[in-house]
C-alpha atoms as a PDB file:
ATOM      1  CA  MET A   1     101.231  97.774  80.182  1.00  0.00           C
ATOM      2  CA  ASN A   2     101.666 101.468  81.049  1.00  0.00           C
ATOM      3  CA  SER A   3     102.235 103.209  77.683  1.00  0.00           C
ATOM      4  CA  ASN A   4     104.985 105.473  79.136  1.00  0.00           C
ATOM      5  CA  ASN A   5     106.860 102.458  80.396  1.00  0.00           C
ATOM      6  CA  LEU A   6     106.823 104.073  83.764  1.00  0.00           C
ATOM      7  CA  ASN A   7     104.885 103.488  86.978  1.00  0.00           C
ATOM      8  CA  SER A   8     101.954 105.868  87.532  1.00  0.00           C
ATOM      9  CA  VAL A   9     100.045 106.840  90.560  1.00  0.00           C
ATOM     10  CA  ILE A  10      96.537 108.389  90.620  1.00  0.00           C
ATOM     11  CA  ALA A  11      95.411 110.396  93.642  1.00  0.00           C
ATOM     12  CA  LEU A  12      91.936 108.822  94.162  1.00  0.00           C
ATOM     13  CA  GLY A  13      91.387 111.031  97.216  1.00  0.00           C
ATOM     14  CA  THR A  14      93.507 113.731  98.863  1.00  0.00           C
ATOM     15  CA  GLY A  15      91.350 114.806 101.868  1.00  0.00           C
ATOM     16  CA  THR A  16      91.352 114.321 105.582  1.00  0.00           C
ATOM     17  CA  SER A  17      89.007 111.901 107.472  1.00  0.00           C
ATOM     18  CA  THR A  18      85.791 114.018 107.006  1.00  0.00           C
ATOM     19  CA  GLY A  19      86.400 114.730 103.266  1.00  0.00           C
ATOM     20  CA  ILE A  20      86.281 118.206 101.920  1.00  0.00           C
ATOM     21  CA  PRO A  21      83.661 119.736 101.935  1.00  0.00           C
ATOM     22  CA  MET A  22      82.906 118.597 105.412  1.00  0.00           C
ATOM     23  CA  ILE A  23      79.225 117.927 106.067  1.00  0.00           C
ATOM     24  CA  GLY A  24      77.549 121.090 107.520  1.00  0.00           C
ATOM     25  CA  CYS A  25      80.799 123.236 107.264  1.00  0.00           C
ATOM     26  CA  LYS A  26      80.435 126.617 105.566  1.00  0.00           C
ATOM     27  CA  CYS A  27      84.074 127.759 105.764  1.00  0.00           C
ATOM     28  CA  LYS A  28      85.692 129.162 102.614  1.00  0.00           C
ATOM     29  CA  VAL A  29      87.500 126.020 101.730  1.00  0.00           C
ATOM     30  CA  CYS A  30      84.495 123.842 102.029  1.00  0.00           C
ATOM     31  CA  THR A  31      82.418 126.164  99.816  1.00  0.00           C
ATOM     32  CA  SER A  32      85.318 126.790  97.368  1.00  0.00           C
ATOM     33  CA  LEU A  33      84.399 126.305  93.746  1.00  0.00           C
ATOM     34  CA  ASP A  34      88.028 125.191  92.865  1.00  0.00           C
ATOM     35  CA  HIS A  35      87.740 121.547  92.021  1.00  0.00           C
ATOM     36  CA  ARG A  36      91.232 121.084  93.699  1.00  0.00           C
ATOM     37  CA  ASP A  37      89.556 121.942  97.121  1.00  0.00           C
ATOM     38  CA  GLN A  38      87.046 119.177  96.853  1.00  0.00           C
ATOM     39  CA  ARG A  39      88.829 116.256  98.362  1.00  0.00           C
ATOM     40  CA  LEU A  40      87.626 112.663  98.813  1.00  0.00           C
ATOM     41  CA  ARG A  41      89.244 110.620 101.612  1.00  0.00           C
ATOM     42  CA  THR A  42      92.795 109.790 100.997  1.00  0.00           C
ATOM     43  CA  SER A  43      93.720 106.857  98.725  1.00  0.00           C
ATOM     44  CA  ILE A  44      95.857 106.091  95.659  1.00  0.00           C
ATOM     45  CA  LEU A  45      96.011 103.763  92.801  1.00  0.00           C
ATOM     46  CA  ILE A  46      99.325 102.604  91.412  1.00  0.00           C
ATOM     47  CA  GLU A  47      99.652 101.173  87.934  1.00  0.00           C
ATOM     48  CA  THR A  48     103.027  99.572  87.483  1.00  0.00           C
ATOM     49  CA  ALA A  49     105.120  99.560  84.269  1.00  0.00           C
ATOM     50  CA  ARG A  50     104.106  95.934  84.017  1.00  0.00           C
ATOM     51  CA  GLY A  51     100.435  96.876  84.099  1.00  0.00           C
ATOM     52  CA  LEU A  52      99.619  95.701  87.568  1.00  0.00           C
ATOM     53  CA  LYS A  53      97.005  97.884  89.381  1.00  0.00           C
ATOM     54  CA  ILE A  54      97.570  98.290  93.153  1.00  0.00           C
ATOM     55  CA  LEU A  55      95.014 100.023  95.321  1.00  0.00           C
ATOM     56  CA  VAL A  56      96.242 101.552  98.590  1.00  0.00           C
ATOM     57  CA  ASP A  57      93.398 101.744 101.188  1.00  0.00           C
ATOM     58  CA  THR A  58      89.707 101.288 100.838  1.00  0.00           C
ATOM     59  CA  THR A  59      88.087 104.528 101.838  1.00  0.00           C
ATOM     60  CA  PRO A  60      84.382 105.089 102.461  1.00  0.00           C
ATOM     61  CA  ASP A  61      84.474 106.974  99.085  1.00  0.00           C
ATOM     62  CA  LEU A  62      85.900 103.932  97.148  1.00  0.00           C
ATOM     63  CA  ARG A  63      82.893 103.517  94.836  1.00  0.00           C
ATOM     64  CA  THR A  64      82.933 107.071  93.839  1.00  0.00           C
ATOM     65  CA  GLN A  65      86.715 107.040  93.339  1.00  0.00           C
ATOM     66  CA  PHE A  66      86.512 104.081  91.140  1.00  0.00           C
ATOM     67  CA  LEU A  67      83.613 105.544  89.038  1.00  0.00           C
ATOM     68  CA  ASN A  68      85.423 109.040  88.774  1.00  0.00           C
ATOM     69  CA  ASN A  69      88.594 107.370  87.466  1.00  0.00           C
ATOM     70  CA  LYS A  70      86.875 104.489  85.395  1.00  0.00           C
ATOM     71  CA  ILE A  71      88.661 101.844  87.370  1.00  0.00           C
ATOM     72  CA  SER A  72      87.053  98.270  87.181  1.00  0.00           C
ATOM     73  CA  ASP A  73      89.710  96.003  88.572  1.00  0.00           C
ATOM     74  CA  VAL A  74      92.697  95.823  90.863  1.00  0.00           C
ATOM     75  CA  ASP A  75      95.380  93.138  91.188  1.00  0.00           C
ATOM     76  CA  PHE A  76      95.857  93.539  94.959  1.00  0.00           C
ATOM     77  CA  VAL A  77      95.425  95.959  97.890  1.00  0.00           C
ATOM     78  CA  ILE A  78      97.726  97.468 100.410  1.00  0.00           C
ATOM     79  CA  MET A  79      96.084  98.621 103.619  1.00  0.00           C
ATOM     80  CA  THR A  80      98.078 101.273 105.560  1.00  0.00           C
ATOM     81  CA  HIS A  81      96.094 101.063 108.842  1.00  0.00           C
ATOM     82  CA  ASP A  82      92.764 100.363 110.270  1.00  0.00           C
ATOM     83  CA  HIS A  83      91.238 103.813 110.763  1.00  0.00           C
ATOM     84  CA  ALA A  84      87.729 104.231 109.172  1.00  0.00           C
ATOM     85  CA  ASP A  85      88.554 106.753 106.605  1.00  0.00           C
ATOM     86  CA  HIS A  86      91.242 104.335 105.125  1.00  0.00           C
ATOM     87  CA  LEU A  87      89.292 101.057 105.622  1.00  0.00           C
ATOM     88  CA  HIS A  88      85.472 101.249 105.798  1.00  0.00           C
ATOM     89  CA  GLY A  89      84.887 101.098 102.040  1.00  0.00           C
ATOM     90  CA  ILE A  90      86.315  97.540 101.946  1.00  0.00           C
ATOM     91  CA  ASP A  91      82.923  96.034 101.029  1.00  0.00           C
ATOM     92  CA  ASP A  92      83.041  98.102  97.790  1.00  0.00           C
ATOM     93  CA  LEU A  93      85.692  95.687  96.483  1.00  0.00           C
ATOM     94  CA  ARG A  94      82.911  93.109  96.228  1.00  0.00           C
ATOM     95  CA  PRO A  95      81.892  93.801  92.594  1.00  0.00           C
ATOM     96  CA  LEU A  96      85.595  93.293  91.563  1.00  0.00           C
ATOM     97  CA  THR A  97      85.348  89.706  92.671  1.00  0.00           C
ATOM     98  CA  PHE A  98      82.223  88.816  90.792  1.00  0.00           C
ATOM     99  CA  GLY A  99      83.847  87.955  87.561  1.00  0.00           C
ATOM    100  CA  PRO A 100      83.617  86.254  85.221  1.00  0.00           C
ATOM    101  CA  PRO A 101      85.643  84.525  86.294  1.00  0.00           C
ATOM    102  CA  ILE A 102      85.010  84.792  90.074  1.00  0.00           C
ATOM    103  CA  ARG A 103      88.239  85.699  91.770  1.00  0.00           C
ATOM    104  CA  GLU A 104      89.846  86.459  95.111  1.00  0.00           C
ATOM    105  CA  ILE A 105      91.716  89.697  95.933  1.00  0.00           C
ATOM    106  CA  ASP A 106      94.688  89.764  98.211  1.00  0.00           C
ATOM    107  CA  LEU A 107      95.024  92.496 100.822  1.00  0.00           C
ATOM    108  CA  TYR A 108      98.508  93.179 102.429  1.00  0.00           C
ATOM    109  CA  CYS A 109      98.945  94.951 105.813  1.00  0.00           C
ATOM    110  CA  ASN A 110     100.941  94.728 108.952  1.00  0.00           C
ATOM    111  CA  LYS A 111     100.116  92.324 111.898  1.00  0.00           C
ATOM    112  CA  LYS A 112      98.173  94.943 113.973  1.00  0.00           C
ATOM    113  CA  THR A 113      96.014  95.975 110.971  1.00  0.00           C
ATOM    114  CA  TYR A 114      95.526  92.369 110.042  1.00  0.00           C
ATOM    115  CA  GLU A 115      94.158  91.465 113.486  1.00  0.00           C
ATOM    116  CA  SER A 116      91.994  94.598 113.580  1.00  0.00           C
ATOM    117  CA  ILE A 117      90.420  94.076 110.112  1.00  0.00           C
ATOM    118  CA  GLU A 118      89.817  90.407 110.777  1.00  0.00           C
ATOM    119  CA  HIS A 119      87.934  91.153 113.974  1.00  0.00           C
ATOM    120  CA  ARG A 120      85.921  94.189 112.619  1.00  0.00           C
ATOM    121  CA  PHE A 121      84.969  92.533 109.415  1.00  0.00           C
ATOM    122  CA  GLU A 122      84.318  89.082 110.628  1.00  0.00           C
ATOM    123  CA  TYR A 123      81.655  88.411 108.122  1.00  0.00           C
ATOM    124  CA  ILE A 124      84.282  88.620 105.335  1.00  0.00           C
ATOM    125  CA  PHE A 125      87.235  86.846 107.021  1.00  0.00           C
ATOM    126  CA  MET A 126      85.985  84.572 109.651  1.00  0.00           C
ATOM    127  CA  LYS A 127      84.957  81.850 107.163  1.00  0.00           C
ATOM    128  CA  LYS A 128      82.206  79.527 108.238  1.00  0.00           C
ATOM    129  CA  ASP A 129      81.273  76.052 107.039  1.00  0.00           C
ATOM    130  CA  PRO A 130      79.652  76.704 103.580  1.00  0.00           C
ATOM    131  CA  LYS A 131      77.336  73.683 104.083  1.00  0.00           C
ATOM    132  CA  LYS A 132      75.892  75.096 107.255  1.00  0.00           C
ATOM    133  CA  HIS A 133      76.098  78.759 106.299  1.00  0.00           C
ATOM    134  CA  PRO A 134      75.851  78.955 102.486  1.00  0.00           C
ATOM    135  CA  ILE A 135      76.552  82.328 100.897  1.00  0.00           C
ATOM    136  CA  ILE A 136      73.170  83.737  99.906  1.00  0.00           C
ATOM    137  CA  GLY A 137      71.962  87.096  98.375  1.00  0.00           C
ATOM    138  CA  GLY A 138      74.608  89.398  97.049  1.00  0.00           C
ATOM    139  CA  GLY A 139      77.373  87.396  98.986  1.00  0.00           C
ATOM    140  CA  ILE A 140      80.504  88.703 100.491  1.00  0.00           C
ATOM    141  CA  PRO A 141      83.777  90.210  99.126  1.00  0.00           C
ATOM    142  CA  ARG A 142      86.200  87.359  98.341  1.00  0.00           C
ATOM    143  CA  LEU A 143      89.158  88.837  99.962  1.00  0.00           C
ATOM    144  CA  LYS A 144      92.381  87.312 101.539  1.00  0.00           C
ATOM    145  CA  LEU A 145      94.375  89.043 104.247  1.00  0.00           C
ATOM    146  CA  ASN A 146      98.209  88.728 104.249  1.00  0.00           C
ATOM    147  CA  ILE A 147     100.744  90.038 106.706  1.00  0.00           C
ATOM    148  CA  VAL A 148     103.884  91.743 105.449  1.00  0.00           C
ATOM    149  CA  GLU A 149     107.010  92.080 107.443  1.00  0.00           C
ATOM    150  CA  PRO A 150     108.454  95.558 107.962  1.00  0.00           C
ATOM    151  CA  LEU A 151     112.069  96.717 107.106  1.00  0.00           C
ATOM    152  CA  LYS A 152     112.495  93.860 104.578  1.00  0.00           C
ATOM    153  CA  ASP A 153     112.250  93.760 100.792  1.00  0.00           C
ATOM    154  CA  VAL A 154     109.019  91.997  99.897  1.00  0.00           C
ATOM    155  CA  THR A 155     108.006  90.807  96.423  1.00  0.00           C
ATOM    156  CA  ILE A 156     104.219  90.830  95.706  1.00  0.00           C
ATOM    157  CA  GLN A 157     103.122  89.502  92.323  1.00  0.00           C
ATOM    158  CA  GLY A 158     106.527  90.308  90.910  1.00  0.00           C
ATOM    159  CA  GLU A 159     106.578  93.879  92.337  1.00  0.00           C
ATOM    160  CA  SER A 160     109.233  94.800  95.009  1.00  0.00           C
ATOM    161  CA  PHE A 161     108.254  96.743  98.042  1.00  0.00           C
ATOM    162  CA  PHE A 162     110.018  97.965 101.272  1.00  0.00           C
ATOM    163  CA  PHE A 163     107.394  98.297 104.026  1.00  0.00           C
ATOM    164  CA  PHE A 164     107.850 100.251 107.292  1.00  0.00           C
ATOM    165  CA  ASN A 165     105.703 101.325 110.302  1.00  0.00           C
ATOM    166  CA  TYR A 166     105.586 104.671 112.078  1.00  0.00           C
ATOM    167  CA  PRO A 167     103.397 106.164 114.769  1.00  0.00           C
ATOM    168  CA  HIS A 168      99.954 107.598 114.204  1.00  0.00           C
ATOM    169  CA  GLY A 169      97.837 108.530 117.211  1.00  0.00           C
ATOM    170  CA  HIS A 170      97.559 105.517 119.591  1.00  0.00           C
ATOM    171  CA  GLY A 171      98.570 103.091 116.751  1.00  0.00           C
ATOM    172  CA  GLU A 172     100.674 102.965 113.726  1.00  0.00           C
ATOM    173  CA  THR A 173     100.461 103.236 110.072  1.00  0.00           C
ATOM    174  CA  MET A 174     102.354 101.218 107.407  1.00  0.00           C
ATOM    175  CA  GLY A 175     104.155 103.133 104.620  1.00  0.00           C
ATOM    176  CA  PHE A 176     106.203 101.708 101.818  1.00  0.00           C
ATOM    177  CA  ILE A 177     108.661 102.302  99.035  1.00  0.00           C
ATOM    178  CA  HIS A 178     107.962 100.998  95.550  1.00  0.00           C
ATOM    179  CA  GLN A 179     110.670 101.597  92.829  1.00  0.00           C
ATOM    180  CA  GLY A 180     111.617 104.986  94.288  1.00  0.00           C
ATOM    181  CA  MET A 181     108.149 106.117  95.257  1.00  0.00           C
ATOM    182  CA  ALA A 182     107.646 106.414  99.076  1.00  0.00           C
ATOM    183  CA  TYR A 183     104.168 106.692 100.546  1.00  0.00           C
ATOM    184  CA  ILE A 184     103.755 108.203 104.089  1.00  0.00           C
ATOM    185  CA  VAL A 185     100.217 109.157 105.142  1.00  0.00           C
ATOM    186  CA  ASP A 186      98.623 109.452 108.667  1.00  0.00           C
ATOM    187  CA  CYS A 187     101.797 110.202 110.236  1.00  0.00           C
ATOM    188  CA  MET A 188     102.517 112.110 113.565  1.00  0.00           C
ATOM    189  CA  GLU A 189     106.283 111.741 113.260  1.00  0.00           C
ATOM    190  CA  ILE A 190     108.995 109.808 111.307  1.00  0.00           C
ATOM    191  CA  PRO A 191     111.243 108.114 113.902  1.00  0.00           C
ATOM    192  CA  ASP A 192     114.974 108.852 113.490  1.00  0.00           C
ATOM    193  CA  GLU A 193     115.775 105.215 112.483  1.00  0.00           C
ATOM    194  CA  LEU A 194     113.227 105.337 109.700  1.00  0.00           C
ATOM    195  CA  LEU A 195     114.283 108.859 108.577  1.00  0.00           C
ATOM    196  CA  ALA A 196     117.934 107.634 108.293  1.00  0.00           C
ATOM    197  CA  ILE A 197     116.715 104.742 106.056  1.00  0.00           C
ATOM    198  CA  LEU A 198     114.632 107.116 103.887  1.00  0.00           C
ATOM    199  CA  LYS A 199     117.599 109.451 103.469  1.00  0.00           C
ATOM    200  CA  LYS A 200     119.861 106.643 102.215  1.00  0.00           C
ATOM    201  CA  LYS A 201     117.342 105.374  99.667  1.00  0.00           C
ATOM    202  CA  LYS A 202     117.016 107.353  96.466  1.00  0.00           C
ATOM    203  CA  ILE A 203     113.394 108.644  96.580  1.00  0.00           C
ATOM    204  CA  HIS A 204     112.148 109.895  93.243  1.00  0.00           C
ATOM    205  CA  LEU A 205     108.667 110.697  94.440  1.00  0.00           C
ATOM    206  CA  LEU A 206     107.510 111.131  98.032  1.00  0.00           C
ATOM    207  CA  ILE A 207     103.807 111.364  98.857  1.00  0.00           C
ATOM    208  CA  LEU A 208     103.562 112.788 102.314  1.00  0.00           C
ATOM    209  CA  ASP A 209     100.933 113.552 104.923  1.00  0.00           C
ATOM    210  CA  CYS A 210     100.211 117.337 105.355  1.00  0.00           C
ATOM    211  CA  LEU A 211      97.055 118.093 107.235  1.00  0.00           C
ATOM    212  CA  GLN A 212      97.069 121.746 108.232  1.00  0.00           C
ATOM    213  CA  ARG A 213      99.076 124.872 109.138  1.00  0.00           C
ATOM    214  CA  GLY A 214      99.216 124.425 112.925  1.00  0.00           C
ATOM    215  CA  ALA A 215     100.518 121.531 114.912  1.00  0.00           C
ATOM    216  CA  HIS A 216      98.198 118.506 115.241  1.00  0.00           C
ATOM    217  CA  SER A 217      98.324 115.560 117.663  1.00  0.00           C
ATOM    218  CA  THR A 218      98.214 112.717 115.090  1.00  0.00           C
ATOM    219  CA  HIS A 219      99.227 114.227 111.642  1.00  0.00           C
ATOM    220  CA  LEU A 220     101.965 116.251 110.124  1.00  0.00           C
ATOM    221  CA  SER A 221     101.587 120.010 109.923  1.00  0.00           C
ATOM    222  CA  VAL A 222     102.934 122.182 107.083  1.00  0.00           C
ATOM    223  CA  ASP A 223     106.091 123.063 108.989  1.00  0.00           C
ATOM    224  CA  ARG A 224     106.666 119.518 110.120  1.00  0.00           C
ATOM    225  CA  SER A 225     106.075 118.133 106.548  1.00  0.00           C
ATOM    226  CA  PHE A 226     108.532 120.652 105.023  1.00  0.00           C
ATOM    227  CA  HIS A 227     111.117 119.654 107.744  1.00  0.00           C
ATOM    228  CA  TYR A 228     110.958 116.035 106.708  1.00  0.00           C
ATOM    229  CA  ILE A 229     111.084 116.980 102.919  1.00  0.00           C
ATOM    230  CA  ASN A 230     114.303 118.788 103.671  1.00  0.00           C
ATOM    231  CA  GLU A 231     115.715 115.912 105.601  1.00  0.00           C
ATOM    232  CA  ILE A 232     114.722 113.175 102.985  1.00  0.00           C
ATOM    233  CA  ASN A 233     115.479 115.300 100.010  1.00  0.00           C
ATOM    234  CA  PRO A 234     113.348 113.572  97.407  1.00  0.00           C
ATOM    235  CA  GLU A 235     113.409 114.591  93.753  1.00  0.00           C
ATOM    236  CA  ARG A 236     109.628 115.474  94.024  1.00  0.00           C
ATOM    237  CA  THR A 237     107.085 115.610  96.779  1.00  0.00           C
ATOM    238  CA  GLY A 238     103.199 115.550  96.617  1.00  0.00           C
ATOM    239  CA  LEU A 239     101.339 116.530  99.699  1.00  0.00           C
ATOM    240  CA  ILE A 240      98.211 114.617 100.654  1.00  0.00           C
ATOM    241  CA  HIS A 241      95.536 114.151 103.354  1.00  0.00           C
ATOM    242  CA  VAL A 242      94.904 117.833 103.473  1.00  0.00           C
ATOM    243  CA  GLY A 243      92.157 119.434 105.709  1.00  0.00           C
ATOM    244  CA  HIS A 244      89.904 122.337 105.299  1.00  0.00           C
ATOM    245  CA  ASP A 245      92.390 124.656 106.935  1.00  0.00           C
ATOM    246  CA  LEU A 246      94.123 125.082 103.496  1.00  0.00           C
ATOM    247  CA  PHE A 247      93.112 126.142 100.042  1.00  0.00           C
ATOM    248  CA  HIS A 248      94.950 124.259  97.375  1.00  0.00           C
ATOM    249  CA  ARG A 249      96.328 127.476  95.912  1.00  0.00           C
ATOM    250  CA  GLU A 250      97.521 128.643  99.324  1.00  0.00           C
ATOM    251  CA  LEU A 251      99.400 125.377  99.985  1.00  0.00           C
ATOM    252  CA  LEU A 252     100.728 125.562  96.433  1.00  0.00           C
ATOM    253  CA  LYS A 253     102.147 129.060  97.106  1.00  0.00           C
ATOM    254  CA  LEU A 254     103.774 127.873 100.325  1.00  0.00           C
ATOM    255  CA  THR A 255     105.391 124.936  98.601  1.00  0.00           C
ATOM    256  CA  SER A 256     106.459 127.016  95.587  1.00  0.00           C
ATOM    257  CA  ASP A 257     108.006 129.743  97.787  1.00  0.00           C
ATOM    258  CA  GLN A 258     110.155 127.279  99.637  1.00  0.00           C
ATOM    259  CA  PHE A 259     110.866 124.498  97.158  1.00  0.00           C
ATOM    260  CA  GLY A 260     109.946 125.664  93.646  1.00  0.00           C
ATOM    261  CA  LYS A 261     108.284 123.078  91.531  1.00  0.00           C
ATOM    262  CA  LYS A 262     109.758 120.183  93.441  1.00  0.00           C
ATOM    263  CA  VAL A 263     106.963 120.158  96.089  1.00  0.00           C
ATOM    264  CA  PHE A 264     103.309 120.559  95.423  1.00  0.00           C
ATOM    265  CA  PRO A 265      99.882 119.589  96.890  1.00  0.00           C
ATOM    266  CA  LEU A 266      98.083 116.804  95.198  1.00  0.00           C
ATOM    267  CA  TYR A 267      94.480 117.035  94.224  1.00  0.00           C
ATOM    268  CA  ASP A 268      91.885 114.382  93.322  1.00  0.00           C
ATOM    269  CA  GLN A 269      92.346 112.561  90.016  1.00  0.00           C
ATOM    270  CA  LEU A 270      95.930 113.992  89.587  1.00  0.00           C
ATOM    271  CA  LYS A 271      98.185 111.473  87.943  1.00  0.00           C
ATOM    272  CA  LEU A 272     101.922 111.382  88.350  1.00  0.00           C
ATOM    273  CA  PHE A 273     104.615 109.146  86.923  1.00  0.00           C
ATOM    274  CA  TYR A 274     107.756 107.666  88.499  1.00  0.00           C
END
């Protein structure tokens, strides 16, 4: 059980799809010595007041994220979408299933992501006859995919969630609300209908996509993120999925000038409570 009797969230990674520093880049952010500018691919871990550990996305940096934060188990996983920087560390869940005892981990996602993951990771999810194709060597992750319905209250292992979809590039991302914490990453816009729902719900902590200063075709920019923060009016907002266009200290100044301490950029391994 969480000693604070609150839910907590750890920013396992706060960077964009390339990670920061980006391979081969010599820009000032990528060569910064400020640890807050060194960003693994975006993912979070929720620990509920009841002690459940919920991973959100399996980035290619998952092994490093777990080792950095001394994480050795999760109760279930939420997959926001199927882009490589949020999905392709899925095989690193394998040691968590070894046991003892041997266990299966549930993954929850929307229908489109379910179909994509099942197809792209056929070796995990397209089960074959074990008599004809026995598991040999190191085996495969013991994972089970589950579809969740959007815009409904859903209970998973005793925890209540409200899931919703929004556009991202040619596809969509699934966000959620858990006990007053809203998670919105990889977002190009928040549709009016969803914005109205978010405004009505009491959001204590919003974790929001914020890639760069200028407009971007698939992500929120600083100006767009600030617009939605003003519309939703959460108690606090942490900005995530930041690229190498922004130093942490520069984004912190931008948020402080406009919102005071209510809005701030996240950095890797930062822990918040809600």
